[in-house]
Amino acid sequence: MSNLRLNLIAAACNNMGIGVNGTLPWTIRKDMKFFNVMSTGNPPEGKQNVAIMGKKTWFSIPPKFRPLKNRINVVLSRSLQEKPEGSQYLFDSLESAIEHLSKPEMQKEIHEVWIVGGQSVYKVSMESPLCHRIYLTKVFADIECDTFFPEIDMERFHLVSDPAINGETQEENGLKFQFLIYERKL
């Protein structure tokens, strides 16, 4: 069993939509900043966080922002034969990625592991016993989406607070949103 812990990070609207036509359905700069601060973190010297994502998520990131800076970028795909340009690793499953990232030589380089999308990668990650926390930006709006965040099993996760994160409802571009943290129950 790996000693890695998975943190998921996403933003979802009222119907748990996270995307439409391969893009984010809203622009909330505070949420993008939150995503970058959390998934980059402040690792000890010589270490970096890992950002694991599916192929569609990788290609939905505008090229000028790929790879995600100051993170080890891991792409999951069953169809790609070569890692996308700019990414560090390509694996055919989350299990394969975890197996590789759990190797002692990789553990020396890794601080935290962040799951950054999309829908199927979130689902398999939430089902993993390694899933520790879900950082969800709840967007209080009804927005048409074609990609959705999986239902959070409240038998396995509960809401927690973190003094470093503003859990109050905020507003930007006419959209109200809130940073929520769900943690796996022990």
C-alpha atoms as a PDB file:
ATOM      1  CA  MET A   1       0.000   0.000   0.000  1.00  0.00           C
ATOM      2  CA  SER A   2       1.299   3.408  -0.968  1.00  0.00           C
ATOM      3  CA  ASN A   3       1.895   6.139   1.603  1.00  0.00           C
ATOM      4  CA  LEU A   4       0.807   8.777  -0.934  1.00  0.00           C
ATOM      5  CA  ARG A   5      -2.272  10.831  -0.132  1.00  0.00           C
ATOM      6  CA  LEU A   6      -4.429  12.196  -2.906  1.00  0.00           C
ATOM      7  CA  ASN A   7      -5.958  15.671  -2.747  1.00  0.00           C
ATOM      8  CA  LEU A   8      -8.637  16.506  -5.299  1.00  0.00           C
ATOM      9  CA  ILE A   9      -9.287  20.076  -6.407  1.00  0.00           C
ATOM     10  CA  ALA A  10     -12.206  21.245  -8.548  1.00  0.00           C
ATOM     11  CA  ALA A  11     -14.862  23.904  -8.985  1.00  0.00           C
ATOM     12  CA  ALA A  12     -18.491  22.875  -9.538  1.00  0.00           C
ATOM     13  CA  CYS A  13     -21.792  24.692  -9.945  1.00  0.00           C
ATOM     14  CA  ASN A  14     -25.175  23.761  -8.423  1.00  0.00           C
ATOM     15  CA  ASN A  15     -25.623  20.640 -10.576  1.00  0.00           C
ATOM     16  CA  MET A  16     -21.975  19.662  -9.911  1.00  0.00           C
ATOM     17  CA  GLY A  17     -21.015  20.662 -13.449  1.00  0.00           C
ATOM     18  CA  ILE A  18     -17.282  21.251 -13.929  1.00  0.00           C
ATOM     19  CA  GLY A  19     -16.955  21.865 -17.653  1.00  0.00           C
ATOM     20  CA  VAL A  20     -18.620  22.444 -21.006  1.00  0.00           C
ATOM     21  CA  ASN A  21     -17.137  21.819 -24.448  1.00  0.00           C
ATOM     22  CA  GLY A  22     -13.693  21.174 -22.948  1.00  0.00           C
ATOM     23  CA  THR A  23     -13.496  24.462 -21.036  1.00  0.00           C
ATOM     24  CA  LEU A  24     -14.390  25.919 -17.657  1.00  0.00           C
ATOM     25  CA  PRO A  25     -17.913  27.369 -17.834  1.00  0.00           C
ATOM     26  CA  TRP A  26     -17.007  30.457 -15.771  1.00  0.00           C
ATOM     27  CA  THR A  27     -14.154  32.839 -15.082  1.00  0.00           C
ATOM     28  CA  ILE A  28     -13.405  33.302 -11.398  1.00  0.00           C
ATOM     29  CA  ARG A  29      -9.879  34.631 -10.929  1.00  0.00           C
ATOM     30  CA  LYS A  30      -9.923  34.000  -7.168  1.00  0.00           C
ATOM     31  CA  ASP A  31     -10.666  30.340  -7.883  1.00  0.00           C
ATOM     32  CA  MET A  32      -7.820  30.089 -10.414  1.00  0.00           C
ATOM     33  CA  LYS A  33      -5.490  31.658  -7.859  1.00  0.00           C
ATOM     34  CA  PHE A  34      -6.761  29.208  -5.211  1.00  0.00           C
ATOM     35  CA  PHE A  35      -6.126  26.299  -7.619  1.00  0.00           C
ATOM     36  CA  ASN A  36      -2.575  27.469  -8.308  1.00  0.00           C
ATOM     37  CA  VAL A  37      -1.705  28.210  -4.670  1.00  0.00           C
ATOM     38  CA  MET A  38      -3.093  24.894  -3.430  1.00  0.00           C
ATOM     39  CA  SER A  39      -1.759  22.617  -6.171  1.00  0.00           C
ATOM     40  CA  THR A  40       1.664  24.290  -6.245  1.00  0.00           C
ATOM     41  CA  GLY A  41       1.858  24.580  -2.467  1.00  0.00           C
ATOM     42  CA  ASN A  42       4.985  25.403  -0.569  1.00  0.00           C
ATOM     43  CA  PRO A  43       6.995  22.180  -0.756  1.00  0.00           C
ATOM     44  CA  PRO A  44      10.313  21.688   1.028  1.00  0.00           C
ATOM     45  CA  GLU A  45      13.405  22.510  -1.020  1.00  0.00           C
ATOM     46  CA  GLY A  46      14.085  19.918  -3.695  1.00  0.00           C
ATOM     47  CA  LYS A  47      10.485  18.691  -3.829  1.00  0.00           C
ATOM     48  CA  GLN A  48       7.475  19.506  -5.997  1.00  0.00           C
ATOM     49  CA  ASN A  49       3.791  18.729  -5.950  1.00  0.00           C
ATOM     50  CA  VAL A  50       2.327  16.402  -8.551  1.00  0.00           C
ATOM     51  CA  ALA A  51      -0.685  17.356 -10.703  1.00  0.00           C
ATOM     52  CA  ILE A  52      -2.448  14.272 -12.093  1.00  0.00           C
ATOM     53  CA  MET A  53      -4.985  14.798 -14.864  1.00  0.00           C
ATOM     54  CA  GLY A  54      -6.722  13.014 -17.683  1.00  0.00           C
ATOM     55  CA  LYS A  55      -5.890  13.613 -21.334  1.00  0.00           C
ATOM     56  CA  LYS A  56      -8.926  15.857 -21.928  1.00  0.00           C
ATOM     57  CA  THR A  57      -8.012  18.040 -18.952  1.00  0.00           C
ATOM     58  CA  TRP A  58      -4.420  18.340 -20.200  1.00  0.00           C
ATOM     59  CA  PHE A  59      -5.560  19.476 -23.641  1.00  0.00           C
ATOM     60  CA  SER A  60      -8.188  21.833 -22.152  1.00  0.00           C
ATOM     61  CA  ILE A  61      -5.389  23.847 -20.513  1.00  0.00           C
ATOM     62  CA  PRO A  62      -4.404  26.700 -22.842  1.00  0.00           C
ATOM     63  CA  PRO A  63      -0.992  25.863 -24.380  1.00  0.00           C
ATOM     64  CA  LYS A  64       0.647  28.931 -22.796  1.00  0.00           C
ATOM     65  CA  PHE A  65      -0.200  27.467 -19.353  1.00  0.00           C
ATOM     66  CA  ARG A  66       1.012  23.921 -20.164  1.00  0.00           C
ATOM     67  CA  PRO A  67       2.648  22.319 -18.370  1.00  0.00           C
ATOM     68  CA  LEU A  68       1.309  23.568 -15.041  1.00  0.00           C
ATOM     69  CA  LYS A  69       4.317  25.443 -13.636  1.00  0.00           C
ATOM     70  CA  ASN A  70       6.239  24.244 -10.581  1.00  0.00           C
ATOM     71  CA  ARG A  71       4.429  20.903 -10.550  1.00  0.00           C
ATOM     72  CA  ILE A  72       5.229  17.454 -11.882  1.00  0.00           C
ATOM     73  CA  ASN A  73       2.572  17.024 -14.604  1.00  0.00           C
ATOM     74  CA  VAL A  74       1.182  13.494 -14.954  1.00  0.00           C
ATOM     75  CA  VAL A  75      -1.294  12.653 -17.727  1.00  0.00           C
ATOM     76  CA  LEU A  76      -3.547   9.583 -17.623  1.00  0.00           C
ATOM     77  CA  SER A  77      -4.715   8.108 -20.928  1.00  0.00           C
ATOM     78  CA  ARG A  78      -5.472   4.676 -22.326  1.00  0.00           C
ATOM     79  CA  SER A  79      -5.184   5.932 -25.923  1.00  0.00           C
ATOM     80  CA  LEU A  80      -2.052   8.116 -26.038  1.00  0.00           C
ATOM     81  CA  GLN A  81       1.147   6.279 -26.948  1.00  0.00           C
ATOM     82  CA  GLU A  82       3.559   9.080 -26.005  1.00  0.00           C
ATOM     83  CA  LYS A  83       3.432  11.617 -23.217  1.00  0.00           C
ATOM     84  CA  PRO A  84       2.074  14.965 -24.375  1.00  0.00           C
ATOM     85  CA  GLU A  85       4.734  17.608 -24.973  1.00  0.00           C
ATOM     86  CA  GLY A  86       5.517  19.385 -21.699  1.00  0.00           C
ATOM     87  CA  SER A  87       4.197  16.679 -19.393  1.00  0.00           C
ATOM     88  CA  GLN A  88       6.656  14.648 -17.354  1.00  0.00           C
ATOM     89  CA  TYR A  89       4.791  11.322 -17.262  1.00  0.00           C
ATOM     90  CA  LEU A  90       2.066   9.371 -19.057  1.00  0.00           C
ATOM     91  CA  PHE A  91       0.295   6.410 -17.459  1.00  0.00           C
ATOM     92  CA  ASP A  92      -2.685   4.334 -18.555  1.00  0.00           C
ATOM     93  CA  SER A  93      -4.334   4.357 -15.111  1.00  0.00           C
ATOM     94  CA  LEU A  94      -4.290   6.081 -11.750  1.00  0.00           C
ATOM     95  CA  GLU A  95      -3.089   2.811 -10.247  1.00  0.00           C
ATOM     96  CA  SER A  96      -0.032   2.767 -12.553  1.00  0.00           C
ATOM     97  CA  ALA A  97       0.735   6.404 -11.738  1.00  0.00           C
ATOM     98  CA  ILE A  98       0.513   5.756  -7.982  1.00  0.00           C
ATOM     99  CA  GLU A  99       2.728   2.691  -8.324  1.00  0.00           C
ATOM    100  CA  HIS A 100       5.406   4.796 -10.053  1.00  0.00           C
ATOM    101  CA  LEU A 101       5.067   7.807  -7.744  1.00  0.00           C
ATOM    102  CA  SER A 102       5.354   5.507  -4.698  1.00  0.00           C
ATOM    103  CA  LYS A 103       8.860   4.358  -5.640  1.00  0.00           C
ATOM    104  CA  PRO A 104      11.493   5.506  -3.111  1.00  0.00           C
ATOM    105  CA  GLU A 105      13.375   7.566  -5.712  1.00  0.00           C
ATOM    106  CA  MET A 106      10.136   9.414  -6.606  1.00  0.00           C
ATOM    107  CA  GLN A 107       9.211   9.945  -2.951  1.00  0.00           C
ATOM    108  CA  LYS A 108      12.388  12.019  -2.605  1.00  0.00           C
ATOM    109  CA  GLU A 109      11.010  14.455  -5.227  1.00  0.00           C
ATOM    110  CA  ILE A 110       7.307  14.585  -4.268  1.00  0.00           C
ATOM    111  CA  HIS A 111       5.593  16.713  -1.641  1.00  0.00           C
ATOM    112  CA  GLU A 112       1.836  16.358  -2.329  1.00  0.00           C
ATOM    113  CA  VAL A 113      -0.284  14.750  -5.041  1.00  0.00           C
ATOM    114  CA  TRP A 114      -3.160  16.744  -6.552  1.00  0.00           C
ATOM    115  CA  ILE A 115      -5.872  15.329  -8.787  1.00  0.00           C
ATOM    116  CA  VAL A 116      -6.925  18.172 -11.098  1.00  0.00           C
ATOM    117  CA  GLY A 117      -9.469  16.494 -13.411  1.00  0.00           C
ATOM    118  CA  GLY A 118     -11.456  15.460 -15.215  1.00  0.00           C
ATOM    119  CA  GLN A 119     -14.636  13.614 -14.433  1.00  0.00           C
ATOM    120  CA  SER A 120     -13.414   9.998 -14.668  1.00  0.00           C
ATOM    121  CA  VAL A 121     -10.089  10.746 -12.930  1.00  0.00           C
ATOM    122  CA  TYR A 122     -11.967  12.431 -10.063  1.00  0.00           C
ATOM    123  CA  LYS A 123     -14.286   9.411  -9.779  1.00  0.00           C
ATOM    124  CA  VAL A 124     -11.552   6.766  -9.583  1.00  0.00           C
ATOM    125  CA  SER A 125      -9.529   8.981  -7.202  1.00  0.00           C
ATOM    126  CA  MET A 126     -12.460   9.458  -4.823  1.00  0.00           C
ATOM    127  CA  GLU A 127     -12.928   5.689  -4.696  1.00  0.00           C
ATOM    128  CA  SER A 128      -9.268   5.176  -3.767  1.00  0.00           C
ATOM    129  CA  PRO A 129      -8.399   4.628  -0.095  1.00  0.00           C
ATOM    130  CA  LEU A 130      -5.563   7.125  -0.734  1.00  0.00           C
ATOM    131  CA  CYS A 131      -8.039   9.985  -1.266  1.00  0.00           C
ATOM    132  CA  HIS A 132      -7.491  12.327   1.693  1.00  0.00           C
ATOM    133  CA  ARG A 133      -9.159  15.659   0.906  1.00  0.00           C
ATOM    134  CA  ILE A 134     -11.433  17.219  -1.696  1.00  0.00           C
ATOM    135  CA  TYR A 135     -11.029  20.971  -2.195  1.00  0.00           C
ATOM    136  CA  LEU A 136     -14.228  22.026  -3.938  1.00  0.00           C
ATOM    137  CA  THR A 137     -15.035  25.551  -5.028  1.00  0.00           C
ATOM    138  CA  LYS A 138     -18.830  25.560  -4.938  1.00  0.00           C
ATOM    139  CA  VAL A 139     -20.187  27.999  -7.542  1.00  0.00           C
ATOM    140  CA  PHE A 140     -23.729  28.978  -6.557  1.00  0.00           C
ATOM    141  CA  ALA A 141     -25.191  29.177 -10.058  1.00  0.00           C
ATOM    142  CA  ASP A 142     -27.134  27.081 -12.545  1.00  0.00           C
ATOM    143  CA  ILE A 143     -24.778  26.732 -15.501  1.00  0.00           C
ATOM    144  CA  GLU A 144     -25.118  24.338 -18.418  1.00  0.00           C
ATOM    145  CA  CYS A 145     -22.325  21.756 -18.318  1.00  0.00           C
ATOM    146  CA  ASP A 146     -21.496  18.479 -20.039  1.00  0.00           C
ATOM    147  CA  THR A 147     -18.887  17.265 -17.533  1.00  0.00           C
ATOM    148  CA  PHE A 148     -19.635  16.694 -13.853  1.00  0.00           C
ATOM    149  CA  PHE A 149     -17.898  16.179 -10.520  1.00  0.00           C
ATOM    150  CA  PRO A 150     -18.836  12.844  -8.906  1.00  0.00           C
ATOM    151  CA  GLU A 151     -21.215  12.788  -5.969  1.00  0.00           C
ATOM    152  CA  ILE A 152     -19.364  13.116  -2.662  1.00  0.00           C
ATOM    153  CA  ASP A 153     -20.202  10.178  -0.380  1.00  0.00           C
ATOM    154  CA  MET A 154     -20.955  11.826   2.964  1.00  0.00           C
ATOM    155  CA  GLU A 155     -20.624   8.412   4.635  1.00  0.00           C
ATOM    156  CA  ARG A 156     -16.915   8.549   3.744  1.00  0.00           C
ATOM    157  CA  PHE A 157     -16.193  12.304   3.761  1.00  0.00           C
ATOM    158  CA  HIS A 158     -17.133  15.203   6.015  1.00  0.00           C
ATOM    159  CA  LEU A 159     -16.777  18.972   5.779  1.00  0.00           C
ATOM    160  CA  VAL A 160     -13.812  20.451   7.624  1.00  0.00           C
ATOM    161  CA  SER A 161     -12.398  23.944   7.914  1.00  0.00           C
ATOM    162  CA  ASP A 162      -8.862  25.182   7.531  1.00  0.00           C
ATOM    163  CA  PRO A 163      -7.850  28.490   9.123  1.00  0.00           C
ATOM    164  CA  ALA A 164      -5.637  29.220   6.091  1.00  0.00           C
ATOM    165  CA  ILE A 165      -8.615  29.058   3.699  1.00  0.00           C
ATOM    166  CA  ASN A 166     -11.425  31.611   3.545  1.00  0.00           C
ATOM    167  CA  GLY A 167     -14.577  29.503   3.843  1.00  0.00           C
ATOM    168  CA  GLU A 168     -16.934  32.485   3.560  1.00  0.00           C
ATOM    169  CA  THR A 169     -19.173  32.987   0.534  1.00  0.00           C
ATOM    170  CA  GLN A 170     -17.452  35.349  -1.912  1.00  0.00           C
ATOM    171  CA  GLU A 171     -18.512  36.994  -5.178  1.00  0.00           C
ATOM    172  CA  GLU A 172     -16.729  37.731  -8.455  1.00  0.00           C
ATOM    173  CA  ASN A 173     -18.126  38.523 -11.914  1.00  0.00           C
ATOM    174  CA  GLY A 174     -21.654  38.246 -10.510  1.00  0.00           C
ATOM    175  CA  LEU A 175     -21.033  34.666  -9.322  1.00  0.00           C
ATOM    176  CA  LYS A 176     -21.174  33.685  -5.669  1.00  0.00           C
ATOM    177  CA  PHE A 177     -18.800  30.906  -4.635  1.00  0.00           C
ATOM    178  CA  GLN A 178     -17.310  29.256  -1.568  1.00  0.00           C
ATOM    179  CA  PHE A 179     -14.193  27.173  -0.924  1.00  0.00           C
ATOM    180  CA  LEU A 180     -15.225  23.887   0.739  1.00  0.00           C
ATOM    181  CA  ILE A 181     -12.967  21.142   2.103  1.00  0.00           C
ATOM    182  CA  TYR A 182     -14.120  17.547   2.486  1.00  0.00           C
ATOM    183  CA  GLU A 183     -11.865  15.136   4.367  1.00  0.00           C
ATOM    184  CA  ARG A 184     -12.018  11.353   4.469  1.00  0.00           C
ATOM    185  CA  LYS A 185     -13.427  10.086   7.745  1.00  0.00           C
ATOM    186  CA  LEU A 186     -11.020   7.914   9.715  1.00  0.00           C
END
